[in-house]
Amino acid sequence: MTFPLLASSRRSSALSLTALVAVSALLAPAAIAAEDPGPPTLAPKTVAEALENVERVDPTLLHDAVLEGAGTADLGSGSIVVPSDPSAGVRIGDGARTVIVDLPDSESAGRAAALADGGVVYPAAHSATSVVVGDRGVQMLTTIADAQAPADYSYDVTLAEGQRLELLGEGAAVVDADGGVALLIGAAWAIDADGDRIPTHYSVSGSTLTQTVDHTAPEVAYPVVADPAWLAPFVFKCMVGLGLNGAQIGLAATSGLPGSIGVALAKSIAACLTGK
């Protein structure tokens, strides 16, 4: 036997449950939309302005771009390939061998966006990587947007057989099995929006070069720009042909001076580029 009051109560409960489910279904999309979408992507315009600021502070720090957008730049007997997809890595070749450099956080970065003054940027949240090919090599610049960005930016280097990556002065080098230098990385630097230098250094673990940027001090003004500059292999070989030895070139390029690759070796680089 079903008591009328109990049956009515059951119907009321069922209706209430149905209504609750319906309301929940209506509210769910709104709740999802209200969730934090995450940090905004660092826009190419912001990156371009940060690079312009570095150039105003010290024009020797940035290369003049010889490649617009992604693609291949032929430099002497070698070439540098800048990918549209950041996960493909930057390829630095000397005609015989190619070193591939994987960019920081490439899996989460967007595809290449061209910068007005040449080069590309791979937009991402909190920080973004730009690649600028100049006549003496390639720069891989990190623009750091805020204090939530990481301090470490790692470049995984695919080496040829027998090669190794090691620190050299304030910079680093890819060294062949016989001890010869195949590729030089200039001294680490980082500059904030006020033009102040930010403490930074390299470390090496296996075939990974990491630049650490100590950017979280209260007085740091964002964005911060940091850079490893990679000297093109053909330029290095040409300077050896001019009579400089590997040790001299390496110490000059990794001396820790601002724009050291461009300044300390300017005459030799000019001779290699012009043939004079």
C-alpha atoms as a PDB file:
ATOM      1  CA  MET A   1       0.000   0.000   0.000  1.00  0.00           C
ATOM      2  CA  THR A   2       1.292   3.486  -0.871  1.00  0.00           C
ATOM      3  CA  PHE A   3       0.311   6.265   1.446  1.00  0.00           C
ATOM      4  CA  PRO A   4      -0.749   9.422  -0.455  1.00  0.00           C
ATOM      5  CA  LEU A   5       1.479  11.683   1.631  1.00  0.00           C
ATOM      6  CA  LEU A   6       4.541   9.490   1.034  1.00  0.00           C
ATOM      7  CA  ALA A   7       3.858   9.291  -2.708  1.00  0.00           C
ATOM      8  CA  SER A   8       3.491  13.051  -2.877  1.00  0.00           C
ATOM      9  CA  SER A   9       6.760  13.482  -0.987  1.00  0.00           C
ATOM     10  CA  ARG A  10       8.563  11.165  -3.393  1.00  0.00           C
ATOM     11  CA  ARG A  11       7.203  13.056  -6.395  1.00  0.00           C
ATOM     12  CA  SER A  12       8.260  16.336  -4.823  1.00  0.00           C
ATOM     13  CA  SER A  13      11.771  15.016  -4.146  1.00  0.00           C
ATOM     14  CA  ALA A  14      12.076  13.725  -7.694  1.00  0.00           C
ATOM     15  CA  LEU A  15      10.971  17.059  -9.114  1.00  0.00           C
ATOM     16  CA  SER A  16      13.403  18.903  -6.852  1.00  0.00           C
ATOM     17  CA  LEU A  17      16.266  16.641  -7.938  1.00  0.00           C
ATOM     18  CA  THR A  18      15.369  17.160 -11.605  1.00  0.00           C
ATOM     19  CA  ALA A  19      15.274  20.908 -11.108  1.00  0.00           C
ATOM     20  CA  LEU A  20      18.622  20.855  -9.317  1.00  0.00           C
ATOM     21  CA  VAL A  21      20.226  18.885 -12.146  1.00  0.00           C
ATOM     22  CA  ALA A  22      18.782  21.286 -14.708  1.00  0.00           C
ATOM     23  CA  VAL A  23      20.012  24.350 -12.840  1.00  0.00           C
ATOM     24  CA  SER A  24      23.458  22.774 -12.409  1.00  0.00           C
ATOM     25  CA  ALA A  25      23.630  22.077 -16.130  1.00  0.00           C
ATOM     26  CA  LEU A  26      22.780  25.693 -16.873  1.00  0.00           C
ATOM     27  CA  LEU A  27      25.303  27.038 -14.384  1.00  0.00           C
ATOM     28  CA  ALA A  28      28.192  24.726 -15.349  1.00  0.00           C
ATOM     29  CA  PRO A  29      29.215  26.576 -18.550  1.00  0.00           C
ATOM     30  CA  ALA A  30      29.120  29.883 -16.680  1.00  0.00           C
ATOM     31  CA  ALA A  31      31.288  28.445 -13.919  1.00  0.00           C
ATOM     32  CA  ILE A  32      33.786  27.121 -16.451  1.00  0.00           C
ATOM     33  CA  ALA A  33      33.850  30.484 -18.211  1.00  0.00           C
ATOM     34  CA  ALA A  34      34.455  32.202 -14.900  1.00  0.00           C
ATOM     35  CA  GLU A  35      37.558  30.097 -14.195  1.00  0.00           C
ATOM     36  CA  ASP A  36      40.947  31.808 -14.454  1.00  0.00           C
ATOM     37  CA  PRO A  37      41.998  31.524 -18.117  1.00  0.00           C
ATOM     38  CA  GLY A  38      45.655  31.641 -17.115  1.00  0.00           C
ATOM     39  CA  PRO A  39      48.285  34.288 -17.725  1.00  0.00           C
ATOM     40  CA  PRO A  40      48.007  36.334 -20.939  1.00  0.00           C
ATOM     41  CA  THR A  41      50.377  35.553 -23.780  1.00  0.00           C
ATOM     42  CA  LEU A  42      53.276  37.969 -24.155  1.00  0.00           C
ATOM     43  CA  ALA A  43      52.425  39.900 -27.328  1.00  0.00           C
ATOM     44  CA  PRO A  44      54.956  40.410 -30.155  1.00  0.00           C
ATOM     45  CA  LYS A  45      54.506  44.191 -29.784  1.00  0.00           C
ATOM     46  CA  THR A  46      55.593  44.000 -26.131  1.00  0.00           C
ATOM     47  CA  VAL A  47      58.640  41.946 -27.092  1.00  0.00           C
ATOM     48  CA  ALA A  48      59.592  44.371 -29.875  1.00  0.00           C
ATOM     49  CA  GLU A  49      59.377  47.326 -27.475  1.00  0.00           C
ATOM     50  CA  ALA A  50      61.562  45.498 -24.935  1.00  0.00           C
ATOM     51  CA  LEU A  51      64.227  44.846 -27.591  1.00  0.00           C
ATOM     52  CA  GLU A  52      64.107  48.487 -28.693  1.00  0.00           C
ATOM     53  CA  ASN A  53      64.731  49.482 -25.082  1.00  0.00           C
ATOM     54  CA  VAL A  54      67.846  47.265 -24.945  1.00  0.00           C
ATOM     55  CA  GLU A  55      69.134  48.884 -28.125  1.00  0.00           C
ATOM     56  CA  ARG A  56      68.709  52.340 -26.588  1.00  0.00           C
ATOM     57  CA  VAL A  57      70.636  51.246 -23.490  1.00  0.00           C
ATOM     58  CA  ASP A  58      73.506  49.566 -25.380  1.00  0.00           C
ATOM     59  CA  PRO A  59      73.384  49.273 -29.190  1.00  0.00           C
ATOM     60  CA  THR A  60      76.247  46.737 -29.171  1.00  0.00           C
ATOM     61  CA  LEU A  61      74.095  44.088 -27.497  1.00  0.00           C
ATOM     62  CA  LEU A  62      71.716  43.380 -30.388  1.00  0.00           C
ATOM     63  CA  HIS A  63      72.571  42.061 -33.839  1.00  0.00           C
ATOM     64  CA  ASP A  64      71.239  43.797 -36.948  1.00  0.00           C
ATOM     65  CA  ALA A  65      68.868  41.241 -38.461  1.00  0.00           C
ATOM     66  CA  VAL A  66      69.719  39.796 -41.868  1.00  0.00           C
ATOM     67  CA  LEU A  67      66.684  37.487 -41.981  1.00  0.00           C
ATOM     68  CA  GLU A  68      63.064  38.617 -41.871  1.00  0.00           C
ATOM     69  CA  GLY A  69      60.714  36.088 -40.345  1.00  0.00           C
ATOM     70  CA  ALA A  70      61.357  32.358 -40.241  1.00  0.00           C
ATOM     71  CA  GLY A  71      63.533  30.741 -42.899  1.00  0.00           C
ATOM     72  CA  THR A  72      67.160  30.132 -43.843  1.00  0.00           C
ATOM     73  CA  ALA A  73      69.989  32.654 -43.723  1.00  0.00           C
ATOM     74  CA  ASP A  74      73.175  31.785 -45.612  1.00  0.00           C
ATOM     75  CA  LEU A  75      76.214  33.052 -43.714  1.00  0.00           C
ATOM     76  CA  GLY A  76      79.496  32.505 -45.522  1.00  0.00           C
ATOM     77  CA  SER A  77      80.010  28.771 -45.964  1.00  0.00           C
ATOM     78  CA  GLY A  78      77.283  27.926 -43.466  1.00  0.00           C
ATOM     79  CA  SER A  79      73.660  28.667 -42.698  1.00  0.00           C
ATOM     80  CA  ILE A  80      71.208  29.249 -39.868  1.00  0.00           C
ATOM     81  CA  VAL A  81      67.647  27.935 -40.076  1.00  0.00           C
ATOM     82  CA  VAL A  82      64.944  29.613 -37.986  1.00  0.00           C
ATOM     83  CA  PRO A  83      61.790  27.454 -37.757  1.00  0.00           C
ATOM     84  CA  SER A  84      58.140  28.500 -37.845  1.00  0.00           C
ATOM     85  CA  ASP A  85      57.423  25.826 -35.232  1.00  0.00           C
ATOM     86  CA  PRO A  86      59.587  26.484 -32.146  1.00  0.00           C
ATOM     87  CA  SER A  87      59.733  22.786 -31.276  1.00  0.00           C
ATOM     88  CA  ALA A  88      61.858  22.185 -34.407  1.00  0.00           C
ATOM     89  CA  GLY A  89      64.822  24.061 -32.915  1.00  0.00           C
ATOM     90  CA  VAL A  90      67.298  26.461 -34.516  1.00  0.00           C
ATOM     91  CA  ARG A  91      69.815  24.801 -36.854  1.00  0.00           C
ATOM     92  CA  ILE A  92      73.354  26.228 -37.051  1.00  0.00           C
ATOM     93  CA  GLY A  93      75.461  24.648 -39.803  1.00  0.00           C
ATOM     94  CA  ASP A  94      78.963  25.106 -41.186  1.00  0.00           C
ATOM     95  CA  GLY A  95      78.493  23.164 -44.409  1.00  0.00           C
ATOM     96  CA  ALA A  96      79.763  19.909 -42.910  1.00  0.00           C
ATOM     97  CA  ARG A  97      77.933  19.611 -39.589  1.00  0.00           C
ATOM     98  CA  THR A  98      74.798  21.021 -38.034  1.00  0.00           C
ATOM     99  CA  VAL A  99      74.161  21.866 -34.397  1.00  0.00           C
ATOM    100  CA  ILE A 100      70.483  21.995 -33.387  1.00  0.00           C
ATOM    101  CA  VAL A 101      69.500  24.220 -30.467  1.00  0.00           C
ATOM    102  CA  ASP A 102      66.114  23.595 -28.851  1.00  0.00           C
ATOM    103  CA  LEU A 103      64.492  26.762 -27.501  1.00  0.00           C
ATOM    104  CA  PRO A 104      63.199  27.162 -23.922  1.00  0.00           C
ATOM    105  CA  ASP A 105      59.579  26.069 -23.325  1.00  0.00           C
ATOM    106  CA  SER A 106      59.138  25.441 -27.043  1.00  0.00           C
ATOM    107  CA  GLU A 107      56.281  22.977 -26.528  1.00  0.00           C
ATOM    108  CA  SER A 108      54.037  25.651 -24.977  1.00  0.00           C
ATOM    109  CA  ALA A 109      55.061  28.577 -27.205  1.00  0.00           C
ATOM    110  CA  GLY A 110      53.148  29.803 -30.231  1.00  0.00           C
ATOM    111  CA  ARG A 111      54.346  29.730 -33.831  1.00  0.00           C
ATOM    112  CA  ALA A 112      56.795  32.321 -35.110  1.00  0.00           C
ATOM    113  CA  ALA A 113      55.558  35.891 -35.435  1.00  0.00           C
ATOM    114  CA  ALA A 114      57.725  38.306 -37.414  1.00  0.00           C
ATOM    115  CA  LEU A 115      59.265  41.298 -35.647  1.00  0.00           C
ATOM    116  CA  ALA A 116      59.243  44.639 -37.457  1.00  0.00           C
ATOM    117  CA  ASP A 117      63.032  45.025 -37.348  1.00  0.00           C
ATOM    118  CA  GLY A 118      63.701  41.434 -38.400  1.00  0.00           C
ATOM    119  CA  GLY A 119      63.761  38.158 -36.531  1.00  0.00           C
ATOM    120  CA  VAL A 120      60.860  36.290 -34.989  1.00  0.00           C
ATOM    121  CA  VAL A 121      59.232  35.826 -31.612  1.00  0.00           C
ATOM    122  CA  TYR A 122      57.492  32.717 -30.289  1.00  0.00           C
ATOM    123  CA  PRO A 123      54.754  34.127 -27.996  1.00  0.00           C
ATOM    124  CA  ALA A 124      54.159  32.467 -24.633  1.00  0.00           C
ATOM    125  CA  ALA A 125      52.917  33.301 -21.141  1.00  0.00           C
ATOM    126  CA  HIS A 126      55.241  35.071 -18.662  1.00  0.00           C
ATOM    127  CA  SER A 127      58.185  34.903 -21.096  1.00  0.00           C
ATOM    128  CA  ALA A 128      58.832  34.631 -24.821  1.00  0.00           C
ATOM    129  CA  THR A 129      61.820  33.690 -26.972  1.00  0.00           C
ATOM    130  CA  SER A 130      62.968  35.756 -29.952  1.00  0.00           C
ATOM    131  CA  VAL A 131      65.464  34.588 -32.559  1.00  0.00           C
ATOM    132  CA  VAL A 132      67.452  37.196 -34.490  1.00  0.00           C
ATOM    133  CA  VAL A 133      69.992  36.153 -37.138  1.00  0.00           C
ATOM    134  CA  GLY A 134      72.778  38.676 -37.687  1.00  0.00           C
ATOM    135  CA  ASP A 135      75.807  38.622 -39.957  1.00  0.00           C
ATOM    136  CA  ARG A 136      77.985  37.206 -37.161  1.00  0.00           C
ATOM    137  CA  GLY A 137      75.622  34.591 -35.732  1.00  0.00           C
ATOM    138  CA  VAL A 138      72.267  34.177 -34.053  1.00  0.00           C
ATOM    139  CA  GLN A 139      70.759  35.574 -30.874  1.00  0.00           C
ATOM    140  CA  MET A 140      68.145  33.718 -28.845  1.00  0.00           C
ATOM    141  CA  LEU A 141      66.621  36.388 -26.632  1.00  0.00           C
ATOM    142  CA  THR A 142      64.266  35.762 -23.726  1.00  0.00           C
ATOM    143  CA  THR A 143      61.815  38.516 -22.792  1.00  0.00           C
ATOM    144  CA  ILE A 144      60.627  38.048 -19.198  1.00  0.00           C
ATOM    145  CA  ALA A 145      57.267  39.681 -18.482  1.00  0.00           C
ATOM    146  CA  ASP A 146      56.878  39.460 -14.712  1.00  0.00           C
ATOM    147  CA  ALA A 147      58.088  37.978 -11.427  1.00  0.00           C
ATOM    148  CA  GLN A 148      56.010  34.821 -12.026  1.00  0.00           C
ATOM    149  CA  ALA A 149      58.280  33.853 -14.925  1.00  0.00           C
ATOM    150  CA  PRO A 150      60.929  31.192 -14.234  1.00  0.00           C
ATOM    151  CA  ALA A 151      64.536  32.083 -13.505  1.00  0.00           C
ATOM    152  CA  ASP A 152      66.048  29.295 -15.652  1.00  0.00           C
ATOM    153  CA  TYR A 153      65.949  29.110 -19.463  1.00  0.00           C
ATOM    154  CA  SER A 154      67.434  25.951 -20.959  1.00  0.00           C
ATOM    155  CA  TYR A 155      68.760  25.298 -24.454  1.00  0.00           C
ATOM    156  CA  ASP A 156      69.176  21.618 -25.340  1.00  0.00           C
ATOM    157  CA  VAL A 157      71.948  21.265 -27.904  1.00  0.00           C
ATOM    158  CA  THR A 158      72.106  18.329 -30.323  1.00  0.00           C
ATOM    159  CA  LEU A 159      75.822  17.699 -30.741  1.00  0.00           C
ATOM    160  CA  ALA A 160      77.760  15.847 -33.406  1.00  0.00           C
ATOM    161  CA  GLU A 161      79.589  12.677 -32.412  1.00  0.00           C
ATOM    162  CA  GLY A 162      82.538  13.460 -30.150  1.00  0.00           C
ATOM    163  CA  GLN A 163      81.455  17.020 -29.399  1.00  0.00           C
ATOM    164  CA  ARG A 164      80.777  18.367 -25.911  1.00  0.00           C
ATOM    165  CA  LEU A 165      79.306  21.522 -24.407  1.00  0.00           C
ATOM    166  CA  GLU A 166      81.296  23.322 -21.726  1.00  0.00           C
ATOM    167  CA  LEU A 167      81.584  26.678 -19.960  1.00  0.00           C
ATOM    168  CA  LEU A 168      84.258  29.046 -21.256  1.00  0.00           C
ATOM    169  CA  GLY A 169      84.896  32.262 -19.356  1.00  0.00           C
ATOM    170  CA  GLU A 170      81.540  33.997 -18.862  1.00  0.00           C
ATOM    171  CA  GLY A 171      80.174  32.179 -21.909  1.00  0.00           C
ATOM    172  CA  ALA A 172      80.245  28.639 -23.277  1.00  0.00           C
ATOM    173  CA  ALA A 173      81.458  26.624 -26.255  1.00  0.00           C
ATOM    174  CA  VAL A 174      80.760  23.506 -28.281  1.00  0.00           C
ATOM    175  CA  VAL A 175      84.100  21.687 -28.366  1.00  0.00           C
ATOM    176  CA  ASP A 176      85.172  18.978 -30.820  1.00  0.00           C
ATOM    177  CA  ALA A 177      86.758  15.688 -29.763  1.00  0.00           C
ATOM    178  CA  ASP A 178      90.232  17.080 -30.572  1.00  0.00           C
ATOM    179  CA  GLY A 179      89.671  20.102 -28.323  1.00  0.00           C
ATOM    180  CA  GLY A 180      88.969  22.552 -31.121  1.00  0.00           C
ATOM    181  CA  VAL A 181      86.114  25.026 -30.691  1.00  0.00           C
ATOM    182  CA  ALA A 182      83.222  24.435 -33.091  1.00  0.00           C
ATOM    183  CA  LEU A 183      80.742  27.011 -31.781  1.00  0.00           C
ATOM    184  CA  LEU A 184      80.973  29.883 -29.287  1.00  0.00           C
ATOM    185  CA  ILE A 185      78.276  31.297 -27.022  1.00  0.00           C
ATOM    186  CA  GLY A 186      78.934  34.852 -25.844  1.00  0.00           C
ATOM    187  CA  ALA A 187      78.851  36.028 -22.236  1.00  0.00           C
ATOM    188  CA  ALA A 188      75.443  36.026 -20.556  1.00  0.00           C
ATOM    189  CA  TRP A 189      73.682  39.349 -20.036  1.00  0.00           C
ATOM    190  CA  ALA A 190      70.265  40.575 -18.899  1.00  0.00           C
ATOM    191  CA  ILE A 191      68.797  44.100 -18.831  1.00  0.00           C
ATOM    192  CA  ASP A 192      65.542  45.334 -17.290  1.00  0.00           C
ATOM    193  CA  ALA A 193      63.133  48.023 -18.494  1.00  0.00           C
ATOM    194  CA  ASP A 194      65.055  50.733 -16.615  1.00  0.00           C
ATOM    195  CA  GLY A 195      68.281  49.787 -18.389  1.00  0.00           C
ATOM    196  CA  ASP A 196      69.788  48.201 -15.289  1.00  0.00           C
ATOM    197  CA  ARG A 197      71.834  45.021 -15.588  1.00  0.00           C
ATOM    198  CA  ILE A 198      70.322  41.983 -13.882  1.00  0.00           C
ATOM    199  CA  PRO A 199      72.533  39.231 -12.396  1.00  0.00           C
ATOM    200  CA  THR A 200      72.719  36.271 -14.760  1.00  0.00           C
ATOM    201  CA  HIS A 201      74.987  33.322 -15.533  1.00  0.00           C
ATOM    202  CA  TYR A 202      75.223  30.096 -17.513  1.00  0.00           C
ATOM    203  CA  SER A 203      75.454  26.531 -16.307  1.00  0.00           C
ATOM    204  CA  VAL A 204      75.985  23.349 -18.313  1.00  0.00           C
ATOM    205  CA  SER A 205      74.577  19.889 -17.691  1.00  0.00           C
ATOM    206  CA  GLY A 206      75.455  17.370 -20.380  1.00  0.00           C
ATOM    207  CA  SER A 207      74.338  18.943 -23.650  1.00  0.00           C
ATOM    208  CA  THR A 208      72.035  21.517 -22.031  1.00  0.00           C
ATOM    209  CA  LEU A 209      72.990  25.177 -21.619  1.00  0.00           C
ATOM    210  CA  THR A 210      70.902  26.990 -18.984  1.00  0.00           C
ATOM    211  CA  GLN A 211      70.807  30.732 -18.471  1.00  0.00           C
ATOM    212  CA  THR A 212      69.717  31.719 -14.959  1.00  0.00           C
ATOM    213  CA  VAL A 213      68.323  35.240 -14.602  1.00  0.00           C
ATOM    214  CA  ASP A 214      67.901  36.535 -11.027  1.00  0.00           C
ATOM    215  CA  HIS A 215      65.001  38.831 -11.871  1.00  0.00           C
ATOM    216  CA  THR A 216      62.745  38.728  -8.792  1.00  0.00           C
ATOM    217  CA  ALA A 217      64.348  41.483  -6.688  1.00  0.00           C
ATOM    218  CA  PRO A 218      61.861  44.267  -5.783  1.00  0.00           C
ATOM    219  CA  GLU A 219      63.758  46.899  -7.761  1.00  0.00           C
ATOM    220  CA  VAL A 220      63.612  44.978 -11.074  1.00  0.00           C
ATOM    221  CA  ALA A 221      61.532  46.718 -13.762  1.00  0.00           C
ATOM    222  CA  TYR A 222      59.819  44.435 -16.280  1.00  0.00           C
ATOM    223  CA  PRO A 223      60.126  43.344 -18.984  1.00  0.00           C
ATOM    224  CA  VAL A 224      63.642  41.939 -18.663  1.00  0.00           C
ATOM    225  CA  VAL A 225      65.594  40.823 -21.750  1.00  0.00           C
ATOM    226  CA  ALA A 226      68.320  38.148 -21.555  1.00  0.00           C
ATOM    227  CA  ASP A 227      70.461  36.637 -24.283  1.00  0.00           C
ATOM    228  CA  PRO A 228      72.764  33.892 -25.396  1.00  0.00           C
ATOM    229  CA  ALA A 229      74.465  34.911 -28.672  1.00  0.00           C
ATOM    230  CA  TRP A 230      75.882  32.094 -30.801  1.00  0.00           C
ATOM    231  CA  LEU A 231      78.832  32.976 -33.051  1.00  0.00           C
ATOM    232  CA  ALA A 232      78.393  31.519 -36.531  1.00  0.00           C
ATOM    233  CA  PRO A 233      80.888  28.678 -37.205  1.00  0.00           C
ATOM    234  CA  PHE A 234      82.095  30.199 -40.471  1.00  0.00           C
ATOM    235  CA  VAL A 235      83.028  33.451 -38.680  1.00  0.00           C
ATOM    236  CA  PHE A 236      85.045  31.522 -36.114  1.00  0.00           C
ATOM    237  CA  LYS A 237      86.859  29.567 -38.835  1.00  0.00           C
ATOM    238  CA  CYS A 238      87.566  32.729 -40.796  1.00  0.00           C
ATOM    239  CA  MET A 239      89.113  34.428 -37.766  1.00  0.00           C
ATOM    240  CA  VAL A 240      91.338  31.415 -37.234  1.00  0.00           C
ATOM    241  CA  GLY A 241      92.387  31.837 -40.854  1.00  0.00           C
ATOM    242  CA  LEU A 242      93.273  35.460 -40.098  1.00  0.00           C
ATOM    243  CA  GLY A 243      95.802  34.271 -37.537  1.00  0.00           C
ATOM    244  CA  LEU A 244      93.803  34.305 -34.307  1.00  0.00           C
ATOM    245  CA  ASN A 245      93.878  31.074 -32.347  1.00  0.00           C
ATOM    246  CA  GLY A 246      90.853  29.444 -30.767  1.00  0.00           C
ATOM    247  CA  ALA A 247      91.821  30.469 -27.244  1.00  0.00           C
ATOM    248  CA  GLN A 248      92.128  34.149 -28.210  1.00  0.00           C
ATOM    249  CA  ILE A 249      88.766  34.147 -29.955  1.00  0.00           C
ATOM    250  CA  GLY A 250      87.088  32.257 -27.150  1.00  0.00           C
ATOM    251  CA  LEU A 251      88.347  34.548 -24.400  1.00  0.00           C
ATOM    252  CA  ALA A 252      87.399  37.669 -26.361  1.00  0.00           C
ATOM    253  CA  ALA A 253      83.921  36.394 -27.173  1.00  0.00           C
ATOM    254  CA  THR A 254      83.167  35.175 -23.650  1.00  0.00           C
ATOM    255  CA  SER A 255      84.872  37.917 -21.646  1.00  0.00           C
ATOM    256  CA  GLY A 256      81.723  39.102 -19.908  1.00  0.00           C
ATOM    257  CA  LEU A 257      81.938  42.538 -21.504  1.00  0.00           C
ATOM    258  CA  PRO A 258      78.682  43.984 -22.897  1.00  0.00           C
ATOM    259  CA  GLY A 259      78.287  42.939 -26.504  1.00  0.00           C
ATOM    260  CA  SER A 260      81.592  41.095 -26.290  1.00  0.00           C
ATOM    261  CA  ILE A 261      81.171  39.077 -29.483  1.00  0.00           C
ATOM    262  CA  GLY A 262      80.535  42.246 -31.464  1.00  0.00           C
ATOM    263  CA  VAL A 263      82.953  44.616 -29.738  1.00  0.00           C
ATOM    264  CA  ALA A 264      86.073  42.638 -28.886  1.00  0.00           C
ATOM    265  CA  LEU A 265      86.200  40.917 -32.268  1.00  0.00           C
ATOM    266  CA  ALA A 266      84.771  43.720 -34.401  1.00  0.00           C
ATOM    267  CA  LYS A 267      87.757  44.187 -36.738  1.00  0.00           C
ATOM    268  CA  SER A 268      88.232  40.469 -37.323  1.00  0.00           C
ATOM    269  CA  ILE A 269      84.523  39.922 -37.939  1.00  0.00           C
ATOM    270  CA  ALA A 270      84.447  42.834 -40.384  1.00  0.00           C
ATOM    271  CA  ALA A 271      87.411  41.361 -42.265  1.00  0.00           C
ATOM    272  CA  CYS A 272      85.679  37.999 -42.500  1.00  0.00           C
ATOM    273  CA  LEU A 273      82.439  39.519 -43.747  1.00  0.00           C
ATOM    274  CA  THR A 274      84.020  41.834 -46.311  1.00  0.00           C
ATOM    275  CA  GLY A 275      87.028  39.761 -47.301  1.00  0.00           C
ATOM    276  CA  LYS A 276      89.328  42.699 -46.485  1.00  0.00           C
END
